[in-house]
Amino acid sequence: MIKSLTGTLLVAAAATTLMAAPAAASTAGASSASVSASTATSKSAATASAQLIRTKVYFGRCRDTCTIKVRVTNISRRNLFNVRLNARLKVNGRKAGTCTDYVGGLRARRTTWAACTVRTSTLSNLYNDYLDGFSGFRYYASTYVSYRYYR
């Protein structure tokens, strides 16, 4: 559910007008306030733009350091610029580190590769625990790619 600031303001304004109204009028005002609040949230959801990229995560060597490779595909007809990759690595559900990479520009309908390496003491300790037999070593990476484009 997407919450917008305008939807919150509508609900707060409706609540202040309901306090001054009689009890019989408050039920009718409450239903119109909830309708206007849901309309405001649906408008903000409709104005959110579609994502112009798709990503696929691959792993290189992942032991005490972990290389995360990401294939970034521009699925739109717009040229993107200032494309950046942020990756968060989790091992056994625990955050092991993050890394960033600057991809640059990405032309329409093209694919490029980005890679970054996580080197943290937490990752090293988790791998040492795995080698000692205290835990498993199930790693997972979530990525966030930001970009800009001209309208």
C-alpha atoms as a PDB file:
ATOM      1  CA  MET A   1       0.000   0.000   0.000  1.00  0.00           C
ATOM      2  CA  ILE A   2       1.436   3.334  -1.015  1.00  0.00           C
ATOM      3  CA  LYS A   3       0.849   6.177   1.395  1.00  0.00           C
ATOM      4  CA  SER A   4       1.111   9.719   0.202  1.00  0.00           C
ATOM      5  CA  LEU A   5       1.475  12.882   2.193  1.00  0.00           C
ATOM      6  CA  THR A   6      -1.614  14.360   0.569  1.00  0.00           C
ATOM      7  CA  GLY A   7      -3.717  11.382   1.632  1.00  0.00           C
ATOM      8  CA  THR A   8      -2.599  11.862   5.214  1.00  0.00           C
ATOM      9  CA  LEU A   9      -3.465  15.543   5.098  1.00  0.00           C
ATOM     10  CA  LEU A  10      -6.937  14.782   3.753  1.00  0.00           C
ATOM     11  CA  VAL A  11      -7.646  12.397   6.604  1.00  0.00           C
ATOM     12  CA  ALA A  12      -6.371  14.898   9.193  1.00  0.00           C
ATOM     13  CA  ALA A  13      -8.494  17.701   7.705  1.00  0.00           C
ATOM     14  CA  ALA A  14     -11.569  15.469   7.677  1.00  0.00           C
ATOM     15  CA  ALA A  15     -11.004  14.503  11.315  1.00  0.00           C
ATOM     16  CA  THR A  16     -10.904  18.137  12.434  1.00  0.00           C
ATOM     17  CA  THR A  17     -14.170  18.920  10.637  1.00  0.00           C
ATOM     18  CA  LEU A  18     -15.832  15.844  12.133  1.00  0.00           C
ATOM     19  CA  MET A  19     -15.057  16.930  15.676  1.00  0.00           C
ATOM     20  CA  ALA A  20     -17.153  20.063  15.267  1.00  0.00           C
ATOM     21  CA  ALA A  21     -20.048  18.251  13.528  1.00  0.00           C
ATOM     22  CA  PRO A  22     -22.970  16.563  15.322  1.00  0.00           C
ATOM     23  CA  ALA A  23     -22.909  12.771  15.815  1.00  0.00           C
ATOM     24  CA  ALA A  24     -25.469  12.068  13.045  1.00  0.00           C
ATOM     25  CA  ALA A  25     -23.440  14.004  10.489  1.00  0.00           C
ATOM     26  CA  SER A  26     -20.157  12.417  11.544  1.00  0.00           C
ATOM     27  CA  THR A  27     -20.951   9.019  10.036  1.00  0.00           C
ATOM     28  CA  ALA A  28     -21.715  10.553   6.632  1.00  0.00           C
ATOM     29  CA  GLY A  29     -18.590  12.701   6.835  1.00  0.00           C
ATOM     30  CA  ALA A  30     -16.433   9.720   7.803  1.00  0.00           C
ATOM     31  CA  SER A  31     -17.469   7.751   4.733  1.00  0.00           C
ATOM     32  CA  SER A  32     -16.725  10.672   2.412  1.00  0.00           C
ATOM     33  CA  ALA A  33     -13.370  11.230   4.134  1.00  0.00           C
ATOM     34  CA  SER A  34     -12.380   7.599   3.645  1.00  0.00           C
ATOM     35  CA  VAL A  35     -13.443   7.757  -0.017  1.00  0.00           C
ATOM     36  CA  SER A  36     -11.388  10.896  -0.606  1.00  0.00           C
ATOM     37  CA  ALA A  37      -8.386   9.393   1.206  1.00  0.00           C
ATOM     38  CA  SER A  38      -8.552   6.193  -0.861  1.00  0.00           C
ATOM     39  CA  THR A  39      -8.899   8.284  -4.036  1.00  0.00           C
ATOM     40  CA  ALA A  40      -5.804  10.255  -3.091  1.00  0.00           C
ATOM     41  CA  THR A  41      -3.757   7.104  -2.506  1.00  0.00           C
ATOM     42  CA  SER A  42      -4.911   5.549  -5.786  1.00  0.00           C
ATOM     43  CA  LYS A  43      -3.935   8.737  -7.643  1.00  0.00           C
ATOM     44  CA  SER A  44      -0.461   8.651  -6.122  1.00  0.00           C
ATOM     45  CA  ALA A  45      -0.124   4.976  -7.037  1.00  0.00           C
ATOM     46  CA  ALA A  46      -1.161   5.744 -10.609  1.00  0.00           C
ATOM     47  CA  THR A  47       1.348   8.581 -10.930  1.00  0.00           C
ATOM     48  CA  ALA A  48       4.284   6.340  -9.943  1.00  0.00           C
ATOM     49  CA  SER A  49       6.320   5.715 -13.069  1.00  0.00           C
ATOM     50  CA  ALA A  50       7.111   2.289 -14.444  1.00  0.00           C
ATOM     51  CA  GLN A  51      10.579   0.878 -14.015  1.00  0.00           C
ATOM     52  CA  LEU A  52      12.670   1.090 -17.155  1.00  0.00           C
ATOM     53  CA  ILE A  53      15.226  -1.573 -16.249  1.00  0.00           C
ATOM     54  CA  ARG A  54      15.508  -5.247 -15.366  1.00  0.00           C
ATOM     55  CA  THR A  55      18.324  -6.831 -13.394  1.00  0.00           C
ATOM     56  CA  LYS A  56      19.698 -10.343 -12.984  1.00  0.00           C
ATOM     57  CA  VAL A  57      22.157 -11.181 -10.197  1.00  0.00           C
ATOM     58  CA  TYR A  58      25.111 -13.538 -10.611  1.00  0.00           C
ATOM     59  CA  PHE A  59      27.806 -14.405  -8.110  1.00  0.00           C
ATOM     60  CA  GLY A  60      31.514 -14.752  -8.611  1.00  0.00           C
ATOM     61  CA  ARG A  61      33.734 -16.021  -5.852  1.00  0.00           C
ATOM     62  CA  CYS A  62      31.868 -15.780  -2.547  1.00  0.00           C
ATOM     63  CA  ARG A  63      33.898 -16.714   0.505  1.00  0.00           C
ATOM     64  CA  ASP A  64      35.521 -14.182   2.803  1.00  0.00           C
ATOM     65  CA  THR A  65      34.983 -11.664  -0.027  1.00  0.00           C
ATOM     66  CA  CYS A  66      32.028 -11.861  -2.362  1.00  0.00           C
ATOM     67  CA  THR A  67      31.835 -10.619  -5.949  1.00  0.00           C
ATOM     68  CA  ILE A  68      28.345  -9.670  -7.076  1.00  0.00           C
ATOM     69  CA  LYS A  69      27.786  -9.368 -10.831  1.00  0.00           C
ATOM     70  CA  VAL A  70      24.574  -7.826 -12.131  1.00  0.00           C
ATOM     71  CA  ARG A  71      23.267  -7.768 -15.697  1.00  0.00           C
ATOM     72  CA  VAL A  72      21.368  -4.492 -16.168  1.00  0.00           C
ATOM     73  CA  THR A  73      18.953  -4.347 -19.119  1.00  0.00           C
ATOM     74  CA  ASN A  74      17.244  -1.184 -20.320  1.00  0.00           C
ATOM     75  CA  ILE A  75      13.788  -2.310 -21.465  1.00  0.00           C
ATOM     76  CA  SER A  76      12.586   1.119 -22.547  1.00  0.00           C
ATOM     77  CA  ARG A  77      13.054   3.272 -25.638  1.00  0.00           C
ATOM     78  CA  ARG A  78      14.744   5.992 -23.581  1.00  0.00           C
ATOM     79  CA  ASN A  79      18.442   6.497 -23.123  1.00  0.00           C
ATOM     80  CA  LEU A  80      19.346   6.353 -19.437  1.00  0.00           C
ATOM     81  CA  PHE A  81      22.226   8.154 -17.797  1.00  0.00           C
ATOM     82  CA  ASN A  82      23.752   8.286 -14.339  1.00  0.00           C
ATOM     83  CA  VAL A  83      22.943   4.610 -13.724  1.00  0.00           C
ATOM     84  CA  ARG A  84      24.145   3.392 -10.315  1.00  0.00           C
ATOM     85  CA  LEU A  85      24.035  -0.022  -8.666  1.00  0.00           C
ATOM     86  CA  ASN A  86      23.641  -0.670  -4.934  1.00  0.00           C
ATOM     87  CA  ALA A  87      23.799  -4.274  -3.737  1.00  0.00           C
ATOM     88  CA  ARG A  88      23.123  -5.641  -0.262  1.00  0.00           C
ATOM     89  CA  LEU A  89      24.514  -9.070   0.601  1.00  0.00           C
ATOM     90  CA  LYS A  90      22.872 -11.286   3.193  1.00  0.00           C
ATOM     91  CA  VAL A  91      24.282 -14.537   4.510  1.00  0.00           C
ATOM     92  CA  ASN A  92      21.905 -16.830   6.429  1.00  0.00           C
ATOM     93  CA  GLY A  93      19.454 -13.929   6.641  1.00  0.00           C
ATOM     94  CA  ARG A  94      22.012 -11.629   8.293  1.00  0.00           C
ATOM     95  CA  LYS A  95      23.323  -8.494   6.598  1.00  0.00           C
ATOM     96  CA  ALA A  96      26.917  -9.146   5.593  1.00  0.00           C
ATOM     97  CA  GLY A  97      27.685  -5.907   3.737  1.00  0.00           C
ATOM     98  CA  THR A  98      26.872  -3.598   0.866  1.00  0.00           C
ATOM     99  CA  CYS A  99      28.677  -2.371  -2.212  1.00  0.00           C
ATOM    100  CA  THR A 100      28.082   0.191  -4.953  1.00  0.00           C
ATOM    101  CA  ASP A 101      29.111   0.592  -8.580  1.00  0.00           C
ATOM    102  CA  TYR A 102      28.683   3.362 -11.130  1.00  0.00           C
ATOM    103  CA  VAL A 103      27.430   1.908 -14.414  1.00  0.00           C
ATOM    104  CA  GLY A 104      27.265   5.143 -16.450  1.00  0.00           C
ATOM    105  CA  GLY A 105      24.968   5.604 -19.432  1.00  0.00           C
ATOM    106  CA  LEU A 106      22.773   2.901 -20.893  1.00  0.00           C
ATOM    107  CA  ARG A 107      21.268   3.236 -24.351  1.00  0.00           C
ATOM    108  CA  ALA A 108      17.752   2.133 -25.205  1.00  0.00           C
ATOM    109  CA  ARG A 109      17.134  -1.635 -25.415  1.00  0.00           C
ATOM    110  CA  ARG A 110      20.738  -2.427 -24.440  1.00  0.00           C
ATOM    111  CA  THR A 111      22.362  -4.555 -21.752  1.00  0.00           C
ATOM    112  CA  THR A 112      25.457  -3.911 -19.677  1.00  0.00           C
ATOM    113  CA  TRP A 113      27.216  -5.553 -16.757  1.00  0.00           C
ATOM    114  CA  ALA A 114      28.045  -4.099 -13.373  1.00  0.00           C
ATOM    115  CA  ALA A 115      30.043  -5.695 -10.593  1.00  0.00           C
ATOM    116  CA  CYS A 116      31.065  -4.872  -7.072  1.00  0.00           C
ATOM    117  CA  THR A 117      32.849  -6.687  -4.269  1.00  0.00           C
ATOM    118  CA  VAL A 118      31.794  -6.959  -0.636  1.00  0.00           C
ATOM    119  CA  ARG A 119      34.708  -7.092   1.805  1.00  0.00           C
ATOM    120  CA  THR A 120      33.613  -6.817   5.412  1.00  0.00           C
ATOM    121  CA  SER A 121      34.665  -8.328   8.701  1.00  0.00           C
ATOM    122  CA  THR A 122      31.104  -9.578   9.189  1.00  0.00           C
ATOM    123  CA  LEU A 123      31.305 -11.577   5.958  1.00  0.00           C
ATOM    124  CA  SER A 124      34.710 -12.936   6.973  1.00  0.00           C
ATOM    125  CA  ASN A 125      33.396 -13.980  10.391  1.00  0.00           C
ATOM    126  CA  LEU A 126      30.354 -15.658   8.842  1.00  0.00           C
ATOM    127  CA  TYR A 127      32.590 -17.599   6.462  1.00  0.00           C
ATOM    128  CA  ASN A 128      34.898 -18.622   9.309  1.00  0.00           C
ATOM    129  CA  ASP A 129      31.861 -19.906  11.244  1.00  0.00           C
ATOM    130  CA  TYR A 130      30.897 -21.901   8.155  1.00  0.00           C
ATOM    131  CA  LEU A 131      34.389 -23.396   7.871  1.00  0.00           C
ATOM    132  CA  ASP A 132      34.317 -24.330  11.576  1.00  0.00           C
ATOM    133  CA  GLY A 133      30.972 -26.081  11.081  1.00  0.00           C
ATOM    134  CA  PHE A 134      28.886 -23.761  13.262  1.00  0.00           C
ATOM    135  CA  SER A 135      26.526 -22.551  10.526  1.00  0.00           C
ATOM    136  CA  GLY A 136      25.648 -22.782   6.872  1.00  0.00           C
ATOM    137  CA  PHE A 137      26.617 -20.301   4.185  1.00  0.00           C
ATOM    138  CA  ARG A 138      23.487 -19.395   2.227  1.00  0.00           C
ATOM    139  CA  TYR A 139      24.072 -16.056   0.545  1.00  0.00           C
ATOM    140  CA  TYR A 140      21.552 -13.776  -1.142  1.00  0.00           C
ATOM    141  CA  ALA A 141      21.934 -10.371  -2.773  1.00  0.00           C
ATOM    142  CA  SER A 142      19.264  -7.729  -3.263  1.00  0.00           C
ATOM    143  CA  THR A 143      19.995  -4.941  -5.710  1.00  0.00           C
ATOM    144  CA  TYR A 144      18.773  -1.407  -6.248  1.00  0.00           C
ATOM    145  CA  VAL A 145      19.570   0.385  -9.496  1.00  0.00           C
ATOM    146  CA  SER A 146      18.944   4.119  -9.746  1.00  0.00           C
ATOM    147  CA  TYR A 147      18.989   6.075 -12.997  1.00  0.00           C
ATOM    148  CA  ARG A 148      17.985   9.317 -14.688  1.00  0.00           C
ATOM    149  CA  TYR A 149      16.556  10.027 -18.116  1.00  0.00           C
ATOM    150  CA  TYR A 150      15.414  12.955 -20.195  1.00  0.00           C
ATOM    151  CA  ARG A 151      11.685  13.345 -20.778  1.00  0.00           C
END
